[in-house]
Amino acid sequence: MPLLYLALSVLLSTAIVAWMKSWTHVDCPWDLVGFGGTRSYHDLLAALPPQAPQGRCFPAGHASAGYAWLALFFFFGRTRPRWRWRGLAVGLGAGAVFGVSQQLRGAHFASHDVWTVAICWLVALSLHRAMSMRAPGVATARDAAMPAMWSP
């Protein structure tokens, strides 16, 4: 079950980010007039002018390939609890490498990566909670050994 969780979490995180990119209209920094591009800036929730091209840079897609691995925190929490924080570091590190490299190219603002981290974390947490549901009052020895704040 933990391996299924990990696979689903990584898949859902990257799929949700890709889906969001298809309907948000945020341009990449390199497309904006202030950064050498030809497009004007529009707020995330503002309506686009009728002839404005739709941007597809939010949230950060490349970074989601790294941040999706934040799910390792919960995966290792079930399989190897002592590795939990290493798993979190792997997800944060991979996402930061991908995200910062795209920022340096002008493809994203830092805020795009912050939103991507939040999306990937919420997917991992929500799926962990959904897949960890048990009947009330049923506990295992592992649950008793885990700190209350980390148990499902």
N, C-alpha and C. Protein backbone atom coordinates (compact mmCIF):
# COMPACT_ATOMS: atom_id res chain seq x y z
N MET A 1 0.81 -1.20 0.00
CA MET A 1 0.00 0.00 0.00
C MET A 1 0.86 1.28 0.00
N PRO A 2 1.97 1.34 0.76
CA PRO A 2 2.78 2.57 0.71
C PRO A 2 3.34 2.87 -0.68
N LEU A 3 3.73 1.85 -1.41
CA LEU A 3 4.27 2.08 -2.75
C LEU A 3 3.18 2.59 -3.70
N LEU A 4 1.97 2.09 -3.55
CA LEU A 4 0.84 2.59 -4.33
C LEU A 4 0.59 4.06 -4.00
N TYR A 5 0.64 4.38 -2.72
CA TYR A 5 0.49 5.78 -2.29
C TYR A 5 1.53 6.66 -2.97
N LEU A 6 2.80 6.24 -2.93
CA LEU A 6 3.88 7.04 -3.50
C LEU A 6 3.67 7.27 -4.99
N ALA A 7 3.34 6.21 -5.71
CA ALA A 7 3.12 6.33 -7.15
C ALA A 7 1.94 7.25 -7.46
N LEU A 8 0.84 7.08 -6.75
CA LEU A 8 -0.33 7.94 -6.97
C LEU A 8 -0.05 9.39 -6.63
N SER A 9 0.65 9.61 -5.54
CA SER A 9 0.93 10.98 -5.11
C SER A 9 1.80 11.71 -6.13
N VAL A 10 2.85 11.06 -6.59
CA VAL A 10 3.73 11.69 -7.59
C VAL A 10 2.95 11.95 -8.88
N LEU A 11 2.18 10.97 -9.32
CA LEU A 11 1.39 11.12 -10.54
C LEU A 11 0.35 12.25 -10.41
N LEU A 12 -0.40 12.25 -9.30
CA LEU A 12 -1.42 13.28 -9.11
C LEU A 12 -0.82 14.68 -8.97
N SER A 13 0.28 14.79 -8.26
CA SER A 13 0.91 16.12 -8.09
C SER A 13 1.30 16.72 -9.42
N THR A 14 1.99 15.95 -10.24
CA THR A 14 2.42 16.48 -11.53
C THR A 14 1.24 16.68 -12.48
N ALA A 15 0.24 15.81 -12.40
CA ALA A 15 -0.95 15.95 -13.26
C ALA A 15 -1.76 17.19 -12.88
N ILE A 16 -1.92 17.45 -11.61
CA ILE A 16 -2.69 18.62 -11.18
C ILE A 16 -1.98 19.91 -11.58
N VAL A 17 -0.66 19.95 -11.43
CA VAL A 17 0.09 21.13 -11.86
C VAL A 17 -0.05 21.33 -13.37
N ALA A 18 0.07 20.26 -14.14
CA ALA A 18 -0.09 20.37 -15.60
C ALA A 18 -1.50 20.83 -15.96
N TRP A 19 -2.50 20.31 -15.28
CA TRP A 19 -3.89 20.72 -15.53
C TRP A 19 -4.07 22.20 -15.20
N MET A 20 -3.52 22.64 -14.09
CA MET A 20 -3.65 24.05 -13.72
C MET A 20 -2.97 24.96 -14.75
N LYS A 21 -1.85 24.54 -15.29
CA LYS A 21 -1.16 25.33 -16.31
C LYS A 21 -2.06 25.53 -17.54
N SER A 22 -2.94 24.58 -17.79
CA SER A 22 -3.79 24.66 -18.98
C SER A 22 -4.90 25.69 -18.84
N TRP A 23 -5.25 26.11 -17.63
CA TRP A 23 -6.33 27.09 -17.49
C TRP A 23 -5.92 28.38 -16.79
N THR A 24 -4.74 28.43 -16.21
CA THR A 24 -4.28 29.72 -15.69
C THR A 24 -3.70 30.49 -16.87
N HIS A 25 -3.71 31.77 -16.79
CA HIS A 25 -3.25 32.58 -17.92
C HIS A 25 -2.00 33.38 -17.59
N VAL A 26 -1.18 32.88 -16.70
CA VAL A 26 0.00 33.60 -16.26
C VAL A 26 1.15 33.37 -17.25
N ASP A 27 1.75 34.46 -17.67
CA ASP A 27 2.87 34.39 -18.60
C ASP A 27 4.18 34.14 -17.87
N CYS A 28 5.15 33.64 -18.61
CA CYS A 28 6.50 33.47 -18.08
C CYS A 28 7.15 34.86 -17.99
N PRO A 29 8.08 35.04 -17.07
CA PRO A 29 8.76 36.34 -16.99
C PRO A 29 9.38 36.76 -18.33
N TRP A 30 9.96 35.83 -19.07
CA TRP A 30 10.61 36.19 -20.33
C TRP A 30 9.62 36.68 -21.38
N ASP A 31 8.31 36.44 -21.17
CA ASP A 31 7.29 36.92 -22.10
C ASP A 31 6.80 38.33 -21.77
N LEU A 32 7.11 38.82 -20.59
CA LEU A 32 6.58 40.10 -20.14
C LEU A 32 7.45 41.28 -20.60
N VAL A 33 6.79 42.40 -20.91
CA VAL A 33 7.47 43.59 -21.41
C VAL A 33 8.59 44.02 -20.48
N GLY A 34 8.37 44.01 -19.19
CA GLY A 34 9.38 44.45 -18.23
C GLY A 34 10.63 43.60 -18.19
N PHE A 35 10.57 42.42 -18.80
CA PHE A 35 11.72 41.51 -18.80
C PHE A 35 12.18 41.17 -20.21
N GLY A 36 11.84 42.03 -21.18
CA GLY A 36 12.31 41.84 -22.55
C GLY A 36 11.32 41.15 -23.46
N GLY A 37 10.14 40.80 -22.98
CA GLY A 37 9.14 40.14 -23.80
C GLY A 37 8.20 41.13 -24.47
N THR A 38 7.10 40.62 -24.97
CA THR A 38 6.15 41.46 -25.71
C THR A 38 4.76 41.51 -25.06
N ARG A 39 4.53 40.77 -24.00
CA ARG A 39 3.20 40.70 -23.39
C ARG A 39 3.11 41.58 -22.15
N SER A 40 1.90 42.08 -21.90
CA SER A 40 1.69 42.88 -20.71
C SER A 40 1.29 41.96 -19.55
N TYR A 41 1.57 42.43 -18.35
CA TYR A 41 1.27 41.64 -17.14
C TYR A 41 -0.22 41.69 -16.82
N HIS A 42 -0.78 40.54 -16.44
CA HIS A 42 -2.17 40.44 -15.99
C HIS A 42 -2.19 39.67 -14.68
N ASP A 43 -2.97 40.15 -13.73
CA ASP A 43 -3.10 39.44 -12.45
C ASP A 43 -3.70 38.05 -12.67
N LEU A 44 -3.43 37.16 -11.73
CA LEU A 44 -3.90 35.78 -11.83
C LEU A 44 -5.41 35.69 -11.97
N LEU A 45 -6.13 36.46 -11.19
CA LEU A 45 -7.60 36.36 -11.20
C LEU A 45 -8.29 37.37 -12.11
N ALA A 46 -7.50 38.18 -12.82
CA ALA A 46 -8.09 39.18 -13.72
C ALA A 46 -8.48 38.54 -15.04
N ALA A 47 -9.52 39.08 -15.65
CA ALA A 47 -9.94 38.61 -16.98
C ALA A 47 -8.94 39.11 -18.02
N LEU A 48 -8.60 38.25 -18.97
CA LEU A 48 -7.70 38.65 -20.04
C LEU A 48 -8.43 39.51 -21.05
N PRO A 49 -7.73 40.48 -21.65
CA PRO A 49 -8.34 41.21 -22.77
C PRO A 49 -8.67 40.22 -23.89
N PRO A 50 -9.66 40.53 -24.73
CA PRO A 50 -10.15 39.58 -25.73
C PRO A 50 -9.07 38.97 -26.64
N GLN A 51 -8.11 39.74 -27.08
CA GLN A 51 -7.12 39.23 -28.04
C GLN A 51 -5.79 38.84 -27.39
N ALA A 52 -5.72 38.87 -26.08
CA ALA A 52 -4.46 38.55 -25.39
C ALA A 52 -4.18 37.05 -25.46
N PRO A 53 -2.94 36.70 -25.77
CA PRO A 53 -2.59 35.27 -25.76
C PRO A 53 -2.57 34.76 -24.33
N GLN A 54 -2.89 33.50 -24.17
CA GLN A 54 -2.95 32.92 -22.84
C GLN A 54 -1.59 32.33 -22.47
N GLY A 55 -1.05 32.79 -21.33
CA GLY A 55 0.20 32.25 -20.83
C GLY A 55 -0.02 30.89 -20.19
N ARG A 56 1.03 30.12 -20.10
CA ARG A 56 0.94 28.77 -19.51
C ARG A 56 2.15 28.51 -18.62
N CYS A 57 2.42 29.45 -17.72
CA CYS A 57 3.61 29.32 -16.89
C CYS A 57 3.33 29.17 -15.40
N PHE A 58 2.11 29.00 -15.03
CA PHE A 58 1.78 28.91 -13.60
C PHE A 58 0.84 27.75 -13.36
N PRO A 59 1.13 26.91 -12.40
CA PRO A 59 2.31 26.83 -11.54
C PRO A 59 3.52 26.27 -12.30
N ALA A 60 4.61 26.05 -11.59
CA ALA A 60 5.87 25.64 -12.21
C ALA A 60 5.89 24.14 -12.50
N GLY A 61 5.85 23.79 -13.77
CA GLY A 61 5.79 22.39 -14.18
C GLY A 61 7.06 21.61 -13.92
N HIS A 62 8.21 22.16 -14.30
CA HIS A 62 9.47 21.44 -14.08
C HIS A 62 9.68 21.20 -12.59
N ALA A 63 9.42 22.22 -11.78
CA ALA A 63 9.62 22.08 -10.34
C ALA A 63 8.69 21.03 -9.75
N SER A 64 7.52 20.86 -10.33
CA SER A 64 6.59 19.86 -9.80
C SER A 64 7.15 18.45 -9.92
N ALA A 65 8.02 18.22 -10.92
CA ALA A 65 8.65 16.91 -11.07
C ALA A 65 9.54 16.59 -9.88
N GLY A 66 10.08 17.61 -9.23
CA GLY A 66 10.87 17.41 -8.03
C GLY A 66 10.04 17.46 -6.77
N TYR A 67 9.19 18.49 -6.67
CA TYR A 67 8.39 18.66 -5.46
C TYR A 67 7.37 17.54 -5.27
N ALA A 68 7.00 16.86 -6.32
CA ALA A 68 6.07 15.73 -6.19
C ALA A 68 6.64 14.68 -5.24
N TRP A 69 7.95 14.63 -5.14
CA TRP A 69 8.60 13.64 -4.28
C TRP A 69 8.57 14.02 -2.80
N LEU A 70 7.89 15.11 -2.46
CA LEU A 70 7.62 15.41 -1.06
C LEU A 70 6.84 14.27 -0.43
N ALA A 71 6.17 13.50 -1.25
CA ALA A 71 5.41 12.33 -0.78
C ALA A 71 6.31 11.31 -0.10
N LEU A 72 7.62 11.38 -0.34
CA LEU A 72 8.55 10.47 0.35
C LEU A 72 8.48 10.65 1.86
N PHE A 73 8.13 11.83 2.32
CA PHE A 73 7.98 12.08 3.76
C PHE A 73 6.96 11.12 4.35
N PHE A 74 5.81 11.00 3.71
CA PHE A 74 4.75 10.12 4.20
C PHE A 74 5.05 8.66 3.90
N PHE A 75 5.64 8.40 2.74
CA PHE A 75 6.01 7.04 2.36
C PHE A 75 6.98 6.45 3.39
N PHE A 76 8.04 7.18 3.68
CA PHE A 76 9.00 6.68 4.66
C PHE A 76 8.42 6.67 6.07
N GLY A 77 7.45 7.53 6.33
CA GLY A 77 6.79 7.50 7.63
C GLY A 77 6.11 6.16 7.89
N ARG A 78 5.69 5.50 6.84
CA ARG A 78 5.05 4.20 6.96
C ARG A 78 6.04 3.03 6.83
N THR A 79 7.09 3.23 6.03
CA THR A 79 8.00 2.11 5.75
C THR A 79 9.29 2.15 6.56
N ARG A 80 9.86 3.33 6.71
CA ARG A 80 11.11 3.52 7.46
C ARG A 80 11.05 4.89 8.14
N PRO A 81 10.40 4.98 9.28
CA PRO A 81 10.18 6.27 9.93
C PRO A 81 11.43 7.12 10.13
N ARG A 82 12.56 6.50 10.33
CA ARG A 82 13.78 7.29 10.55
C ARG A 82 14.24 8.01 9.28
N TRP A 83 13.77 7.58 8.13
CA TRP A 83 14.15 8.20 6.86
C TRP A 83 13.18 9.31 6.43
N ARG A 84 12.14 9.52 7.22
CA ARG A 84 11.09 10.50 6.87
C ARG A 84 11.67 11.85 6.47
N TRP A 85 12.56 12.40 7.28
CA TRP A 85 13.10 13.74 7.03
C TRP A 85 14.04 13.74 5.84
N ARG A 86 14.72 12.63 5.61
CA ARG A 86 15.55 12.52 4.40
C ARG A 86 14.66 12.54 3.16
N GLY A 87 13.53 11.87 3.24
CA GLY A 87 12.60 11.89 2.13
C GLY A 87 12.09 13.29 1.84
N LEU A 88 11.79 14.03 2.89
CA LEU A 88 11.36 15.42 2.73
C LEU A 88 12.48 16.24 2.08
N ALA A 89 13.71 16.02 2.52
CA ALA A 89 14.85 16.76 1.95
C ALA A 89 15.04 16.43 0.48
N VAL A 90 14.83 15.17 0.10
CA VAL A 90 14.95 14.79 -1.32
C VAL A 90 13.92 15.55 -2.16
N GLY A 91 12.67 15.56 -1.70
CA GLY A 91 11.63 16.27 -2.44
C GLY A 91 11.89 17.76 -2.54
N LEU A 92 12.26 18.37 -1.42
CA LEU A 92 12.55 19.81 -1.43
C LEU A 92 13.78 20.12 -2.28
N GLY A 93 14.79 19.28 -2.15
CA GLY A 93 16.02 19.51 -2.91
C GLY A 93 15.82 19.37 -4.41
N ALA A 94 15.15 18.30 -4.82
CA ALA A 94 14.91 18.09 -6.25
C ALA A 94 14.06 19.21 -6.83
N GLY A 95 13.00 19.58 -6.12
CA GLY A 95 12.15 20.67 -6.59
C GLY A 95 12.89 21.99 -6.66
N ALA A 96 13.73 22.26 -5.67
CA ALA A 96 14.49 23.51 -5.67
C ALA A 96 15.48 23.56 -6.83
N VAL A 97 16.14 22.45 -7.11
CA VAL A 97 17.08 22.42 -8.25
C VAL A 97 16.34 22.70 -9.55
N PHE A 98 15.22 22.00 -9.77
CA PHE A 98 14.45 22.22 -11.00
C PHE A 98 13.87 23.63 -11.04
N GLY A 99 13.33 24.08 -9.91
CA GLY A 99 12.69 25.38 -9.86
C GLY A 99 13.66 26.54 -10.06
N VAL A 100 14.77 26.51 -9.34
CA VAL A 100 15.75 27.60 -9.45
C VAL A 100 16.37 27.62 -10.84
N SER A 101 16.61 26.46 -11.43
CA SER A 101 17.17 26.45 -12.79
C SER A 101 16.21 27.11 -13.77
N GLN A 102 14.92 26.89 -13.60
CA GLN A 102 13.94 27.54 -14.47
C GLN A 102 13.84 29.04 -14.18
N GLN A 103 13.97 29.42 -12.93
CA GLN A 103 13.96 30.85 -12.59
C GLN A 103 15.15 31.56 -13.22
N LEU A 104 16.31 30.92 -13.18
CA LEU A 104 17.51 31.53 -13.76
C LEU A 104 17.38 31.69 -15.27
N ARG A 105 16.60 30.83 -15.90
CA ARG A 105 16.35 30.94 -17.34
C ARG A 105 15.31 32.01 -17.66
N GLY A 106 14.56 32.45 -16.66
CA GLY A 106 13.50 33.43 -16.89
C GLY A 106 12.14 32.80 -17.14
N ALA A 107 12.02 31.50 -16.85
CA ALA A 107 10.77 30.80 -17.12
C ALA A 107 9.75 30.95 -16.00
N HIS A 108 10.19 31.26 -14.79
CA HIS A 108 9.26 31.36 -13.66
C HIS A 108 9.72 32.40 -12.66
N PHE A 109 8.75 32.89 -11.91
CA PHE A 109 9.04 33.70 -10.73
C PHE A 109 9.14 32.75 -9.55
N ALA A 110 9.77 33.17 -8.48
CA ALA A 110 9.88 32.35 -7.27
C ALA A 110 8.50 31.99 -6.73
N SER A 111 7.54 32.89 -6.87
CA SER A 111 6.19 32.62 -6.38
C SER A 111 5.55 31.43 -7.09
N HIS A 112 5.91 31.19 -8.34
CA HIS A 112 5.38 30.03 -9.05
C HIS A 112 5.83 28.75 -8.36
N ASP A 113 7.08 28.74 -7.90
CA ASP A 113 7.61 27.57 -7.21
C ASP A 113 6.98 27.41 -5.83
N VAL A 114 6.75 28.50 -5.15
CA VAL A 114 6.11 28.43 -3.82
C VAL A 114 4.72 27.80 -3.96
N TRP A 115 3.97 28.22 -4.94
CA TRP A 115 2.65 27.63 -5.18
C TRP A 115 2.77 26.15 -5.54
N THR A 116 3.78 25.81 -6.31
CA THR A 116 3.98 24.41 -6.70
C THR A 116 4.29 23.54 -5.49
N VAL A 117 5.15 24.05 -4.59
CA VAL A 117 5.44 23.32 -3.35
C VAL A 117 4.14 23.09 -2.58
N ALA A 118 3.33 24.13 -2.45
CA ALA A 118 2.07 24.02 -1.69
C ALA A 118 1.13 23.00 -2.33
N ILE A 119 1.02 23.03 -3.64
CA ILE A 119 0.13 22.08 -4.34
C ILE A 119 0.62 20.65 -4.12
N CYS A 120 1.90 20.43 -4.33
CA CYS A 120 2.45 19.06 -4.19
C CYS A 120 2.33 18.57 -2.75
N TRP A 121 2.57 19.46 -1.78
CA TRP A 121 2.43 19.06 -0.37
C TRP A 121 0.98 18.72 -0.05
N LEU A 122 0.04 19.54 -0.51
CA LEU A 122 -1.37 19.29 -0.21
C LEU A 122 -1.86 18.00 -0.87
N VAL A 123 -1.38 17.71 -2.06
CA VAL A 123 -1.74 16.44 -2.71
C VAL A 123 -1.21 15.28 -1.89
N ALA A 124 0.09 15.36 -1.51
CA ALA A 124 0.71 14.27 -0.74
C ALA A 124 0.00 14.07 0.60
N LEU A 125 -0.29 15.16 1.29
CA LEU A 125 -0.97 15.09 2.59
C LEU A 125 -2.39 14.56 2.45
N SER A 126 -3.13 15.08 1.50
CA SER A 126 -4.52 14.65 1.31
C SER A 126 -4.61 13.18 0.94
N LEU A 127 -3.76 12.76 0.03
CA LEU A 127 -3.77 11.36 -0.37
C LEU A 127 -3.34 10.46 0.79
N HIS A 128 -2.36 10.91 1.55
CA HIS A 128 -1.92 10.15 2.73
C HIS A 128 -3.08 9.98 3.70
N ARG A 129 -3.79 11.06 3.97
CA ARG A 129 -4.93 10.99 4.88
C ARG A 129 -6.02 10.07 4.32
N ALA A 130 -6.31 10.20 3.05
CA ALA A 130 -7.37 9.39 2.44
C ALA A 130 -7.02 7.90 2.44
N MET A 131 -5.76 7.59 2.19
CA MET A 131 -5.37 6.18 2.12
C MET A 131 -5.07 5.58 3.49
N SER A 132 -4.97 6.42 4.51
CA SER A 132 -4.67 5.93 5.86
C SER A 132 -5.90 5.77 6.73
N MET A 133 -7.08 6.05 6.18
CA MET A 133 -8.31 5.95 6.96
C MET A 133 -8.53 4.51 7.40
N ARG A 134 -8.91 4.38 8.66
CA ARG A 134 -9.25 3.07 9.21
C ARG A 134 -10.55 3.23 9.98
N ALA A 135 -11.10 2.10 10.33
CA ALA A 135 -12.30 2.13 11.17
C ALA A 135 -11.94 2.75 12.51
N PRO A 136 -12.83 3.54 13.12
CA PRO A 136 -12.55 4.16 14.41
C PRO A 136 -12.18 3.12 15.47
N GLY A 137 -11.16 3.45 16.25
CA GLY A 137 -10.76 2.57 17.34
C GLY A 137 -9.81 1.46 16.95
N VAL A 138 -9.52 1.32 15.64
CA VAL A 138 -8.61 0.28 15.19
C VAL A 138 -7.21 0.89 15.08
N ALA A 139 -6.27 0.36 15.81
CA ALA A 139 -4.91 0.87 15.77
C ALA A 139 -3.94 -0.29 15.68
N THR A 140 -2.77 -0.01 15.15
CA THR A 140 -1.74 -1.04 15.06
C THR A 140 -0.61 -0.68 16.00
N ALA A 141 0.33 -1.60 16.19
CA ALA A 141 1.48 -1.33 17.05
C ALA A 141 2.32 -0.19 16.48
N ARG A 142 2.42 -0.11 15.15
CA ARG A 142 3.17 0.98 14.53
C ARG A 142 2.53 2.33 14.85
N ASP A 143 1.19 2.40 14.84
CA ASP A 143 0.51 3.65 15.15
C ASP A 143 0.81 4.09 16.57
N ALA A 144 0.87 3.14 17.49
CA ALA A 144 1.15 3.47 18.88
C ALA A 144 2.57 3.99 19.04
N ALA A 145 3.50 3.52 18.20
CA ALA A 145 4.89 3.94 18.30
C ALA A 145 5.15 5.29 17.64
N MET A 146 4.27 5.72 16.73
CA MET A 146 4.48 6.98 16.03
C MET A 146 3.96 8.14 16.87
N PRO A 147 4.63 9.30 16.80
CA PRO A 147 4.11 10.46 17.52
C PRO A 147 2.70 10.81 17.03
N ALA A 148 1.88 11.30 17.92
CA ALA A 148 0.47 11.57 17.60
C ALA A 148 0.34 12.54 16.44
N MET A 149 1.23 13.53 16.31
CA MET A 149 1.08 14.51 15.25
C MET A 149 1.34 13.92 13.87
N TRP A 150 1.97 12.77 13.75
CA TRP A 150 2.25 12.18 12.45
C TRP A 150 1.36 10.99 12.14
N SER A 151 0.64 10.51 13.08
CA SER A 151 -0.22 9.35 12.80
C SER A 151 -1.46 9.80 12.06
N PRO A 152 -2.03 8.93 11.24
CA PRO A 152 -3.20 9.29 10.44
C PRO A 152 -4.43 9.55 11.27
